[in-house]
């Protein structure tokens, strides 16, 4: 395990080095968000130039998030054992290279391959970055503030990506792939100078069978969901693929139970708060990614908005997150993570319902903007709170695992949510082509997003209606609370 900068217990009086470590770790999360938002706006242009079908197009997004989510557990384990600095530097370099190659390919299959490679790299940077923060800042106000800033970088990266992609896509979608390259290089240089040197590699092994079965199972599950509308949900091939995906995921659990060095120590999931945070964020993010995919295509292909207009249409949500996230530590301290998460999920549910029922001819201010404002409020309330809830009370040597679990849930939830919504969109437009197909599938797809969000609200309410949560349960370090189990801090 790598040595950390001396842990700070105060949210004030941070040294320049502490700020440098925090900003460096946060930069890669901003880079991930930048990349996702830029690709989202560029999707129609990519589809037109490379001739991709809607189901193939979604793999430009889900290829990234699924490889990201599938390898995050291995990435978190590698950060704990190999050293956070080593893992961080190597993965950022691979991310930059994959971005460069992605901007030069002329084949949809090759483009998807580079997206998968970028996702694999992000799977190692994200848990390393999160565990750098959670081992540098003590649990309580200092860590809550640091995680709030961490979330700001994600929101700022997303909002910057929207604006930049709108401009760059007008010039050529390839520039949306080239832009992350210099940013990744800046992150690499800063990390090489600011992150503390790693100590000796920790004793332990790597659960490669677990990594293989988990990634293969999730890839096959998403692929089957995407292809099922065309092949038939009851077709023999579809049923066989679902059964095989289930078998692979069951095998993963069995491997984890018996492995000497599991990717996931299953005992960590005994924490109700940690389990609820992971399940909740998977549904929360899955609904949003599905919504973004459908609405981006709808605005540009049906309403004929330009890429820049579409980017600016989504911008208010990201701006709200950027300004609101730094203040979330105070609200969490006052009301607890369960209530802020429930409020955030509720805001998203109302946003989707509003977008579902608006008059399609309504002006932006009356039609689209209310949903965007609610999306911003929802992310502000929920995202940092999920991070706080999932890492509270976890010992330092398992912070990489906790961060990997949360990010895995986020990305896999995004991939599966997107696959489900894409399947509904494709089925709704069956027999039609072009904008007519998209228009026919638009309402069923948004209904699917709304149902996912409603499920997320039910999960969030189990935290609010369960054991009462106090400010103490998210602010006081675990070692000061001998009266409660270490992994049940925010139930």
Protein backbone atom coordinates (compact mmCIF):
# COMPACT_ATOMS: atom_id res chain seq x y z
CA UNK A 1 0.00 0.00 0.00
CA UNK A 2 1.36 3.40 -0.94
CA UNK A 3 2.15 5.96 1.71
CA UNK A 4 -0.14 8.95 1.80
CA UNK A 5 0.33 12.60 2.41
CA UNK A 6 -0.21 13.07 6.16
CA UNK A 7 -3.92 12.80 6.75
CA UNK A 8 -5.65 16.04 7.58
CA UNK A 9 -8.56 16.15 9.98
CA UNK A 10 -9.55 19.75 9.39
CA UNK A 11 -11.36 21.20 6.42
CA UNK A 12 -9.49 24.46 6.84
CA UNK A 13 -5.82 25.31 6.70
CA UNK A 14 -4.91 22.87 3.95
CA UNK A 15 -1.33 23.13 2.75
CA UNK A 16 -0.47 23.82 -0.92
CA UNK A 17 0.64 20.20 -1.27
CA UNK A 18 -2.68 18.90 0.00
CA UNK A 19 -4.48 21.14 -2.48
CA UNK A 20 -2.14 19.94 -5.23
CA UNK A 21 -2.86 16.27 -4.49
CA UNK A 22 -6.61 16.92 -4.36
CA UNK A 23 -6.68 18.88 -7.61
CA UNK A 24 -4.49 16.36 -9.42
CA UNK A 25 -6.67 13.42 -8.38
CA UNK A 26 -9.81 15.38 -9.24
CA UNK A 27 -8.53 16.34 -12.69
CA UNK A 28 -8.85 12.80 -14.03
CA UNK A 29 -12.50 12.63 -12.94
CA UNK A 30 -13.06 15.90 -14.78
CA UNK A 31 -11.33 14.34 -17.78
CA UNK A 32 -13.62 11.30 -17.70
CA UNK A 33 -16.70 13.54 -17.53
CA UNK A 34 -15.34 15.76 -20.32
CA UNK A 35 -14.86 12.72 -22.54
CA UNK A 36 -18.35 11.32 -21.89
CA UNK A 37 -20.14 14.62 -22.52
CA UNK A 38 -18.21 15.39 -25.69
CA UNK A 39 -18.95 11.98 -27.18
CA UNK A 40 -22.64 12.31 -26.31
CA UNK A 41 -23.04 15.50 -28.34
CA UNK A 42 -20.97 14.09 -31.23
CA UNK A 43 -23.00 10.86 -31.59
CA UNK A 44 -25.24 11.98 -34.48
CA UNK A 45 -22.21 13.21 -36.45
CA UNK A 46 -20.34 9.96 -35.76
CA UNK A 47 -23.39 7.97 -36.86
CA UNK A 48 -23.71 9.92 -40.10
CA UNK A 49 -20.04 9.71 -41.10
CA UNK A 50 -19.37 6.09 -40.13
CA UNK A 51 -22.80 4.72 -41.07
CA UNK A 52 -23.61 3.15 -37.71
CA UNK A 53 -27.03 1.81 -36.74
CA UNK A 54 -28.61 3.03 -33.50
CA UNK A 55 -27.78 -0.22 -31.70
CA UNK A 56 -24.16 -0.06 -32.94
CA UNK A 57 -23.92 3.62 -32.04
CA UNK A 58 -24.79 2.97 -28.41
CA UNK A 59 -21.61 0.86 -28.14
CA UNK A 60 -19.56 4.03 -28.62
CA UNK A 61 -20.93 4.96 -25.18
CA UNK A 62 -21.50 1.58 -23.54
CA UNK A 63 -18.19 0.11 -24.80
CA UNK A 64 -16.47 2.77 -22.70
CA UNK A 65 -18.65 2.59 -19.60
CA UNK A 66 -18.81 -1.20 -19.57
CA UNK A 67 -15.06 -1.80 -19.87
CA UNK A 68 -14.65 0.98 -17.31
CA UNK A 69 -17.12 -0.62 -14.93
CA UNK A 70 -16.00 -4.17 -15.58
CA UNK A 71 -12.37 -3.56 -14.64
CA UNK A 72 -12.83 -1.06 -11.82
CA UNK A 73 -12.63 -3.75 -9.15
CA UNK A 74 -9.33 -4.95 -10.56
CA UNK A 75 -8.24 -1.31 -10.81
CA UNK A 76 -9.09 -0.68 -7.17
CA UNK A 77 -7.24 -3.82 -6.09
CA UNK A 78 -4.22 -2.85 -8.20
CA UNK A 79 -4.13 0.61 -6.61
CA UNK A 80 -4.16 -0.91 -3.12
CA UNK A 81 -1.43 -3.45 -3.89
CA UNK A 82 0.83 -1.90 -6.54
CA UNK A 83 0.65 1.68 -5.31
CA UNK A 84 -1.75 4.44 -6.22
CA UNK A 85 0.86 6.63 -7.92
CA UNK A 86 2.14 3.82 -10.17
CA UNK A 87 -1.33 2.82 -11.26
CA UNK A 88 -2.44 6.42 -11.77
CA UNK A 89 0.49 7.38 -14.01
CA UNK A 90 0.35 4.26 -16.18
CA UNK A 91 -3.40 4.42 -16.75
CA UNK A 92 -3.42 8.15 -17.59
CA UNK A 93 -0.76 7.53 -20.25
CA UNK A 94 -2.84 4.75 -21.84
CA UNK A 95 -5.92 7.00 -21.78
CA UNK A 96 -4.06 9.71 -23.69
CA UNK A 97 -2.81 7.25 -26.32
CA UNK A 98 -6.27 5.73 -26.87
CA UNK A 99 -7.77 9.21 -27.27
CA UNK A 100 -5.22 10.07 -29.94
CA UNK A 101 -5.84 6.86 -31.91
CA UNK A 102 -9.63 7.23 -31.59
CA UNK A 103 -9.53 10.54 -33.39
CA UNK A 104 -7.77 9.00 -36.40
CA UNK A 105 -9.78 5.83 -37.14
CA UNK A 106 -12.19 5.47 -40.07
CA UNK A 107 -14.08 2.38 -38.92
CA UNK A 108 -16.93 2.11 -36.45
CA UNK A 109 -15.48 -1.14 -35.05
CA UNK A 110 -12.06 0.46 -34.50
CA UNK A 111 -13.64 3.50 -32.91
CA UNK A 112 -15.52 1.28 -30.46
CA UNK A 113 -12.27 -0.61 -29.77
CA UNK A 114 -10.49 2.61 -28.78
CA UNK A 115 -13.43 3.54 -26.56
CA UNK A 116 -13.14 0.17 -24.82
CA UNK A 117 -9.40 0.76 -24.31
CA UNK A 118 -10.09 4.21 -22.83
CA UNK A 119 -12.63 2.68 -20.50
CA UNK A 120 -10.07 0.13 -19.36
CA UNK A 121 -7.59 2.92 -18.60
CA UNK A 122 -10.21 4.92 -16.71
CA UNK A 123 -10.97 1.80 -14.66
CA UNK A 124 -7.52 2.13 -13.10
CA UNK A 125 -7.34 5.93 -12.79
CA UNK A 126 -10.72 6.44 -11.08
CA UNK A 127 -10.33 4.15 -8.02
CA UNK A 128 -6.70 5.25 -7.64
CA UNK A 129 -7.82 8.91 -7.64
CA UNK A 130 -10.67 8.31 -5.19
CA UNK A 131 -8.50 6.28 -2.81
CA UNK A 132 -5.78 8.97 -2.96
CA UNK A 133 -8.37 11.46 -1.70
CA UNK A 134 -9.96 9.21 0.93
CA UNK A 135 -6.59 8.21 2.39
CA UNK A 136 -5.31 11.79 2.35
CA UNK A 137 -8.31 13.46 4.01
CA UNK A 138 -9.70 12.09 7.27
CA UNK A 139 -13.28 10.88 7.40
CA UNK A 140 -15.59 13.69 8.42
CA UNK A 141 -15.74 17.37 7.36
CA UNK A 142 -12.33 17.38 5.65
CA UNK A 143 -13.10 14.35 3.49
CA UNK A 144 -16.64 15.57 2.77
CA UNK A 145 -15.26 18.87 1.54
CA UNK A 146 -12.62 17.12 -0.56
CA UNK A 147 -15.23 14.82 -2.13
CA UNK A 148 -17.41 17.84 -2.85
CA UNK A 149 -14.53 19.41 -4.79
CA UNK A 150 -13.96 16.04 -6.46
CA UNK A 151 -17.59 16.16 -7.66
CA UNK A 152 -17.15 19.75 -8.86
CA UNK A 153 -14.44 18.61 -11.24
CA UNK A 154 -16.77 15.99 -12.63
CA UNK A 155 -19.52 18.55 -13.17
CA UNK A 156 -17.12 21.16 -14.54
CA UNK A 157 -15.60 18.62 -16.91
CA UNK A 158 -19.04 17.64 -18.08
CA UNK A 159 -20.19 21.23 -18.62
CA UNK A 160 -16.95 22.19 -20.36
CA UNK A 161 -17.27 19.10 -22.54
CA UNK A 162 -20.77 20.11 -23.59
CA UNK A 163 -19.72 23.56 -24.73
CA UNK A 164 -16.46 22.47 -26.33
CA UNK A 165 -18.04 19.51 -28.10
CA UNK A 166 -20.76 21.72 -29.52
CA UNK A 167 -18.09 23.95 -31.03
CA UNK A 168 -15.69 21.16 -32.04
CA UNK A 169 -18.39 18.96 -33.59
CA UNK A 170 -19.29 21.81 -35.93
CA UNK A 171 -15.68 21.60 -37.17
CA UNK A 172 -15.42 17.80 -37.02
CA UNK A 173 -16.29 15.15 -34.44
CA UNK A 174 -12.70 13.87 -34.41
CA UNK A 175 -11.60 16.94 -32.48
CA UNK A 176 -13.71 15.75 -29.55
CA UNK A 177 -11.34 12.77 -29.34
CA UNK A 178 -8.17 14.81 -29.71
CA UNK A 179 -8.97 17.37 -27.00
CA UNK A 180 -8.55 14.99 -24.00
CA UNK A 181 -4.96 14.22 -25.06
CA UNK A 182 -3.28 17.43 -23.78
CA UNK A 183 -5.44 17.40 -20.64
CA UNK A 184 -4.33 13.84 -19.87
CA UNK A 185 -0.72 14.90 -20.36
CA UNK A 186 -1.17 17.76 -17.90
CA UNK A 187 -2.65 15.33 -15.36
CA UNK A 188 0.29 12.95 -15.86
CA UNK A 189 2.90 15.68 -15.35
CA UNK A 190 1.13 17.02 -12.25
CA UNK A 191 0.78 13.52 -10.76
CA UNK A 192 4.45 12.70 -11.36
CA UNK A 193 5.45 15.81 -9.40
CA UNK A 194 2.83 15.99 -6.66
CA UNK A 195 1.73 12.48 -5.70
CA UNK A 196 3.84 10.88 -2.97
CA UNK A 197 6.17 8.07 -3.96
CA UNK A 198 4.77 4.58 -3.55
CA UNK A 199 6.22 2.28 -0.94
CA UNK A 200 7.02 -1.39 -1.54
CA UNK A 201 4.35 -3.39 -3.30
CA UNK A 202 1.98 -4.95 -0.81
CA UNK A 203 1.85 -8.69 -0.42
CA UNK A 204 -1.14 -10.21 -2.12
CA UNK A 205 -2.36 -11.56 -5.42
CA UNK A 206 -4.68 -10.63 -8.25
CA UNK A 207 -7.94 -12.35 -8.85
CA UNK A 208 -7.69 -12.70 -12.65
CA UNK A 209 -10.37 -15.44 -12.87
CA UNK A 210 -12.73 -13.11 -11.02
CA UNK A 211 -11.88 -10.22 -13.34
CA UNK A 212 -12.39 -12.37 -16.45
CA UNK A 213 -15.74 -13.81 -15.36
CA UNK A 214 -17.13 -10.46 -14.19
CA UNK A 215 -16.17 -8.57 -17.35
CA UNK A 216 -17.29 -11.40 -19.67
CA UNK A 217 -20.59 -11.75 -17.83
CA UNK A 218 -21.43 -8.06 -17.94
CA UNK A 219 -20.36 -7.65 -21.58
CA UNK A 220 -22.52 -10.59 -22.61
CA UNK A 221 -25.48 -9.32 -20.58
CA UNK A 222 -25.40 -5.87 -22.19
CA UNK A 223 -24.81 -7.31 -25.68
CA UNK A 224 -27.80 -9.64 -25.28
CA UNK A 225 -30.10 -6.84 -24.09
CA UNK A 226 -29.08 -4.65 -27.05
CA UNK A 227 -29.50 -7.42 -29.65
CA UNK A 228 -32.67 -8.99 -28.21
CA UNK A 229 -35.20 -6.63 -29.91
CA UNK A 230 -33.90 -7.65 -33.33
CA UNK A 231 -33.21 -11.33 -32.57
CA UNK A 232 -36.33 -11.79 -30.44
CA UNK A 233 -36.53 -11.90 -26.65
CA UNK A 234 -37.69 -15.53 -26.69
CA UNK A 235 -35.31 -16.65 -29.46
CA UNK A 236 -33.08 -19.61 -28.52
CA UNK A 237 -29.86 -17.60 -29.00
CA UNK A 238 -31.16 -14.83 -26.75
CA UNK A 239 -32.16 -17.23 -23.97
CA UNK A 240 -28.84 -19.08 -24.21
CA UNK A 241 -26.89 -15.81 -23.99
CA UNK A 242 -28.88 -14.68 -20.95
CA UNK A 243 -28.26 -18.05 -19.28
CA UNK A 244 -24.54 -17.90 -20.07
CA UNK A 245 -24.28 -14.33 -18.72
CA UNK A 246 -26.01 -15.42 -15.51
CA UNK A 247 -23.68 -18.43 -15.22
CA UNK A 248 -20.60 -16.22 -15.62
CA UNK A 249 -21.80 -13.79 -12.95
CA UNK A 250 -22.65 -16.64 -10.56
CA UNK A 251 -19.19 -18.08 -11.22
CA UNK A 252 -17.72 -14.68 -10.32
CA UNK A 253 -19.45 -14.76 -6.93
CA UNK A 254 -18.28 -18.32 -6.29
CA UNK A 255 -14.70 -17.40 -7.23
CA UNK A 256 -14.80 -14.43 -4.85
CA UNK A 257 -15.99 -16.67 -2.01
CA UNK A 258 -13.04 -19.04 -2.44
CA UNK A 259 -10.23 -16.81 -3.67
CA UNK A 260 -7.33 -16.01 -1.33
CA UNK A 261 -7.10 -12.56 -2.90
CA UNK A 262 -10.62 -11.71 -4.12
CA UNK A 263 -11.42 -8.66 -6.20
CA UNK A 264 -14.33 -8.10 -3.82
CA UNK A 265 -14.17 -9.13 -0.18
CA UNK A 266 -17.84 -10.03 -0.01
CA UNK A 267 -17.96 -9.21 3.69
CA UNK A 268 -17.67 -5.52 2.83
CA UNK A 269 -21.18 -5.69 1.38
CA UNK A 270 -22.60 -6.42 4.83
CA UNK A 271 -22.71 -2.67 5.31
CA UNK A 272 -26.26 -1.66 4.49
CA UNK A 273 -25.14 1.87 3.61
CA UNK A 274 -22.41 0.73 1.23
CA UNK A 275 -24.67 -1.82 -0.49
CA UNK A 276 -27.48 0.74 -0.82
CA UNK A 277 -25.12 3.38 -2.21
CA UNK A 278 -23.86 0.98 -4.89
CA UNK A 279 -27.30 -0.24 -5.90
CA UNK A 280 -28.74 3.27 -5.80
CA UNK A 281 -26.06 4.90 -7.93
CA UNK A 282 -26.29 2.15 -10.57
CA UNK A 283 -29.99 2.85 -11.13
CA UNK A 284 -29.55 6.62 -10.79
CA UNK A 285 -26.78 6.80 -13.40
CA UNK A 286 -28.37 4.18 -15.66
CA UNK A 287 -31.51 6.28 -15.96
CA UNK A 288 -29.54 9.44 -16.70
CA UNK A 289 -27.27 7.89 -19.36
CA UNK A 290 -30.33 6.44 -21.10
CA UNK A 291 -32.05 9.84 -20.97
CA UNK A 292 -29.01 11.65 -22.36
CA UNK A 293 -28.60 9.19 -25.24
CA UNK A 294 -32.25 9.43 -26.34
CA UNK A 295 -32.58 13.19 -25.92
CA UNK A 296 -29.29 14.00 -27.69
CA UNK A 297 -30.47 12.05 -30.74
CA UNK A 298 -33.98 13.51 -30.53
CA UNK A 299 -32.88 17.13 -30.36
CA UNK A 300 -30.47 16.84 -33.28
CA UNK A 301 -32.18 14.29 -35.54
CA UNK A 302 -35.85 15.16 -35.02
CA UNK A 303 -35.86 18.82 -33.94
CA UNK A 304 -32.80 19.58 -36.10
CA UNK A 305 -30.87 21.38 -33.39
CA UNK A 306 -27.20 21.97 -34.12
CA UNK A 307 -24.54 20.29 -31.99
CA UNK A 308 -23.84 23.62 -30.27
CA UNK A 309 -27.53 24.23 -29.53
CA UNK A 310 -27.81 20.75 -28.04
CA UNK A 311 -24.73 21.25 -25.88
CA UNK A 312 -25.98 24.59 -24.57
CA UNK A 313 -29.39 23.03 -23.91
CA UNK A 314 -27.81 20.59 -21.43
CA UNK A 315 -25.40 23.13 -19.97
CA UNK A 316 -27.61 24.53 -17.13
CA UNK A 317 -27.64 21.14 -15.40
CA UNK A 318 -23.85 20.92 -15.30
CA UNK A 319 -23.46 24.55 -14.16
CA UNK A 320 -25.79 23.92 -11.21
CA UNK A 321 -23.69 20.91 -10.16
CA UNK A 322 -20.46 22.89 -10.48
CA UNK A 323 -21.73 25.65 -8.19
CA UNK A 324 -23.69 23.46 -5.78
CA UNK A 325 -21.32 20.56 -5.10
CA UNK A 326 -18.75 22.53 -3.03
CA UNK A 327 -21.49 23.33 -0.53
CA UNK A 328 -22.80 19.80 -0.16
CA UNK A 329 -20.55 18.95 2.81
CA UNK A 330 -22.54 21.37 5.00
CA UNK A 331 -25.90 19.99 3.92
CA UNK A 332 -24.77 16.39 4.40
CA UNK A 333 -23.50 17.26 7.88
CA UNK A 334 -26.91 18.70 8.72
CA UNK A 335 -29.33 16.12 7.27
CA UNK A 336 -27.26 13.03 6.36
CA UNK A 337 -26.57 11.30 3.06
CA UNK A 338 -29.78 9.25 2.89
CA UNK A 339 -32.00 12.32 2.74
CA UNK A 340 -29.85 14.19 0.21
CA UNK A 341 -29.73 11.11 -2.03
CA UNK A 342 -33.51 10.69 -1.85
CA UNK A 343 -33.97 14.37 -2.73
CA UNK A 344 -31.63 14.06 -5.70
CA UNK A 345 -33.35 10.96 -7.07
CA UNK A 346 -36.75 12.63 -6.68
CA UNK A 347 -35.53 15.66 -8.64
CA UNK A 348 -34.44 13.39 -11.52
CA UNK A 349 -37.74 11.53 -11.52
CA UNK A 350 -39.70 14.79 -11.81
CA UNK A 351 -37.32 15.98 -14.57
CA UNK A 352 -37.99 12.88 -16.67
CA UNK A 353 -41.75 13.12 -16.16
CA UNK A 354 -41.71 16.77 -17.21
CA UNK A 355 -39.75 16.00 -20.37
CA UNK A 356 -42.17 13.20 -21.14
CA UNK A 357 -45.26 15.41 -20.99
CA UNK A 358 -43.98 18.72 -22.41
CA UNK A 359 -45.38 20.17 -25.60
CA UNK A 360 -42.78 19.39 -28.27
CA UNK A 361 -43.37 22.84 -29.80
CA UNK A 362 -42.82 24.69 -26.53
CA UNK A 363 -39.91 27.14 -26.41
CA UNK A 364 -36.74 26.03 -24.62
CA UNK A 365 -37.43 28.06 -21.45
CA UNK A 366 -40.84 26.48 -20.94
CA UNK A 367 -40.14 23.04 -22.37
CA UNK A 368 -36.57 21.82 -21.86
CA UNK A 369 -35.06 24.15 -19.23
CA UNK A 370 -37.17 22.99 -16.22
CA UNK A 371 -35.97 19.41 -16.70
CA UNK A 372 -32.36 20.55 -17.03
CA UNK A 373 -32.57 22.56 -13.81
CA UNK A 374 -33.98 19.56 -11.95
CA UNK A 375 -31.27 17.30 -13.38
CA UNK A 376 -28.63 19.70 -12.04
CA UNK A 377 -30.26 19.84 -8.61
CA UNK A 378 -30.52 16.04 -8.56
CA UNK A 379 -26.86 15.47 -9.37
CA UNK A 380 -25.80 18.10 -6.83
CA UNK A 381 -27.76 16.45 -4.03
CA UNK A 382 -27.03 12.82 -4.86
CA UNK A 383 -23.62 12.35 -6.45
CA UNK A 384 -21.26 13.53 -3.72
CA UNK A 385 -23.58 11.95 -1.14
CA UNK A 386 -23.24 8.54 -2.82
CA UNK A 387 -19.43 8.88 -2.61
CA UNK A 388 -19.54 9.85 1.07
CA UNK A 389 -21.98 7.08 1.95
CA UNK A 390 -20.03 4.37 0.12
CA UNK A 391 -16.61 5.16 1.65
CA UNK A 392 -17.54 6.10 5.23
CA UNK A 393 -16.02 3.76 7.80
CA UNK A 394 -13.98 1.73 5.30
CA UNK A 395 -10.35 1.21 6.45
CA UNK A 396 -7.56 2.76 4.39
CA UNK A 397 -6.34 -0.54 2.96
CA UNK A 398 -9.80 -1.12 1.41
CA UNK A 399 -10.53 2.40 0.17
CA UNK A 400 -9.44 1.33 -3.32
CA UNK A 401 -11.95 -1.52 -3.15
CA UNK A 402 -14.74 0.76 -1.90
CA UNK A 403 -14.01 3.31 -4.62
CA UNK A 404 -13.80 0.57 -7.23
CA UNK A 405 -17.13 -0.89 -6.12
CA UNK A 406 -18.89 2.47 -6.32
CA UNK A 407 -17.47 3.34 -9.71
CA UNK A 408 -18.22 -0.17 -10.98
CA UNK A 409 -21.83 0.20 -9.92
CA UNK A 410 -21.98 3.61 -11.61
CA UNK A 411 -20.57 2.49 -14.94
CA UNK A 412 -22.21 -0.93 -15.13
CA UNK A 413 -25.52 0.65 -14.17
CA UNK A 414 -24.97 3.19 -16.93
CA UNK A 415 -24.22 0.48 -19.49
CA UNK A 416 -27.18 -1.70 -18.56
CA UNK A 417 -29.55 1.29 -18.30
CA UNK A 418 -28.42 2.49 -21.72
CA UNK A 419 -28.83 -1.01 -23.18
CA UNK A 420 -32.37 -1.29 -21.86
CA UNK A 421 -33.39 2.17 -23.08
CA UNK A 422 -31.76 1.58 -26.49
CA UNK A 423 -33.61 -1.73 -26.80
CA UNK A 424 -36.92 0.01 -26.07
CA UNK A 425 -36.07 2.83 -28.50
CA UNK A 426 -35.20 0.35 -31.26
CA UNK A 427 -38.30 -1.77 -30.67
CA UNK A 428 -40.56 1.31 -30.72
CA UNK A 429 -39.20 2.39 -34.10
CA UNK A 430 -39.30 -1.05 -35.69
CA UNK A 431 -40.35 -0.89 -39.34
CA UNK A 432 -39.42 2.78 -39.67
CA UNK A 433 -36.20 4.54 -40.66
CA UNK A 434 -34.37 7.78 -39.86
CA UNK A 435 -36.09 10.44 -37.74
CA UNK A 436 -39.45 8.63 -37.99
CA UNK A 437 -38.01 5.59 -36.21
CA UNK A 438 -36.50 7.75 -33.49
CA UNK A 439 -39.72 9.68 -33.02
CA UNK A 440 -41.76 6.46 -32.73
CA UNK A 441 -39.47 5.04 -30.08
CA UNK A 442 -38.92 8.28 -28.17
CA UNK A 443 -41.89 8.12 -25.77
CA UNK A 444 -41.46 4.40 -24.86
CA UNK A 445 -37.74 5.03 -24.24
CA UNK A 446 -38.47 7.96 -21.92
CA UNK A 447 -41.03 5.83 -20.10
CA UNK A 448 -38.29 3.25 -19.52
CA UNK A 449 -36.03 5.99 -18.11
CA UNK A 450 -38.85 7.13 -15.80
CA UNK A 451 -39.44 3.59 -14.52
CA UNK A 452 -35.71 3.22 -13.76
CA UNK A 453 -35.77 6.49 -11.83
CA UNK A 454 -38.84 5.40 -9.86
CA UNK A 455 -37.01 2.20 -8.89
CA UNK A 456 -34.07 4.36 -7.77
CA UNK A 457 -36.40 6.40 -5.57
CA UNK A 458 -37.67 3.26 -3.85
CA UNK A 459 -34.07 2.24 -3.10
CA UNK A 460 -33.27 5.71 -1.74
CA UNK A 461 -36.34 5.73 0.49
CA UNK A 462 -35.18 2.54 2.24
CA UNK A 463 -32.34 4.62 3.67
CA UNK A 464 -34.63 7.44 4.80
CA UNK A 465 -37.22 5.13 6.35
CA UNK A 466 -34.64 2.81 7.95
CA UNK A 467 -32.42 3.49 10.94
CA UNK A 468 -32.31 7.28 11.50
CA UNK A 469 -29.14 8.91 10.26
CA UNK A 470 -27.46 11.72 12.13
CA UNK A 471 -24.79 14.20 11.21
CA UNK A 472 -22.46 12.30 13.55
CA UNK A 473 -22.76 9.20 11.38
CA UNK A 474 -21.18 10.96 8.41
CA UNK A 475 -18.83 13.34 10.15
CA UNK A 476 -17.12 11.50 12.97
CA UNK A 477 -14.23 9.16 12.14
CA UNK A 478 -14.89 5.47 12.71
CA UNK A 479 -12.19 5.08 15.35
CA UNK A 480 -14.04 7.57 17.56
CA UNK A 481 -17.27 5.57 17.43
CA UNK A 482 -16.67 2.29 19.23
CA UNK A 483 -20.39 1.86 19.84
CA UNK A 484 -21.19 1.09 16.17
CA UNK A 485 -19.79 -1.36 13.58
CA UNK A 486 -17.10 0.18 11.39
CA UNK A 487 -19.01 -0.58 8.18
CA UNK A 488 -22.40 0.72 9.27
CA UNK A 489 -21.69 4.41 9.54
CA UNK A 490 -24.41 5.85 7.36
CA UNK A 491 -27.30 3.43 7.48
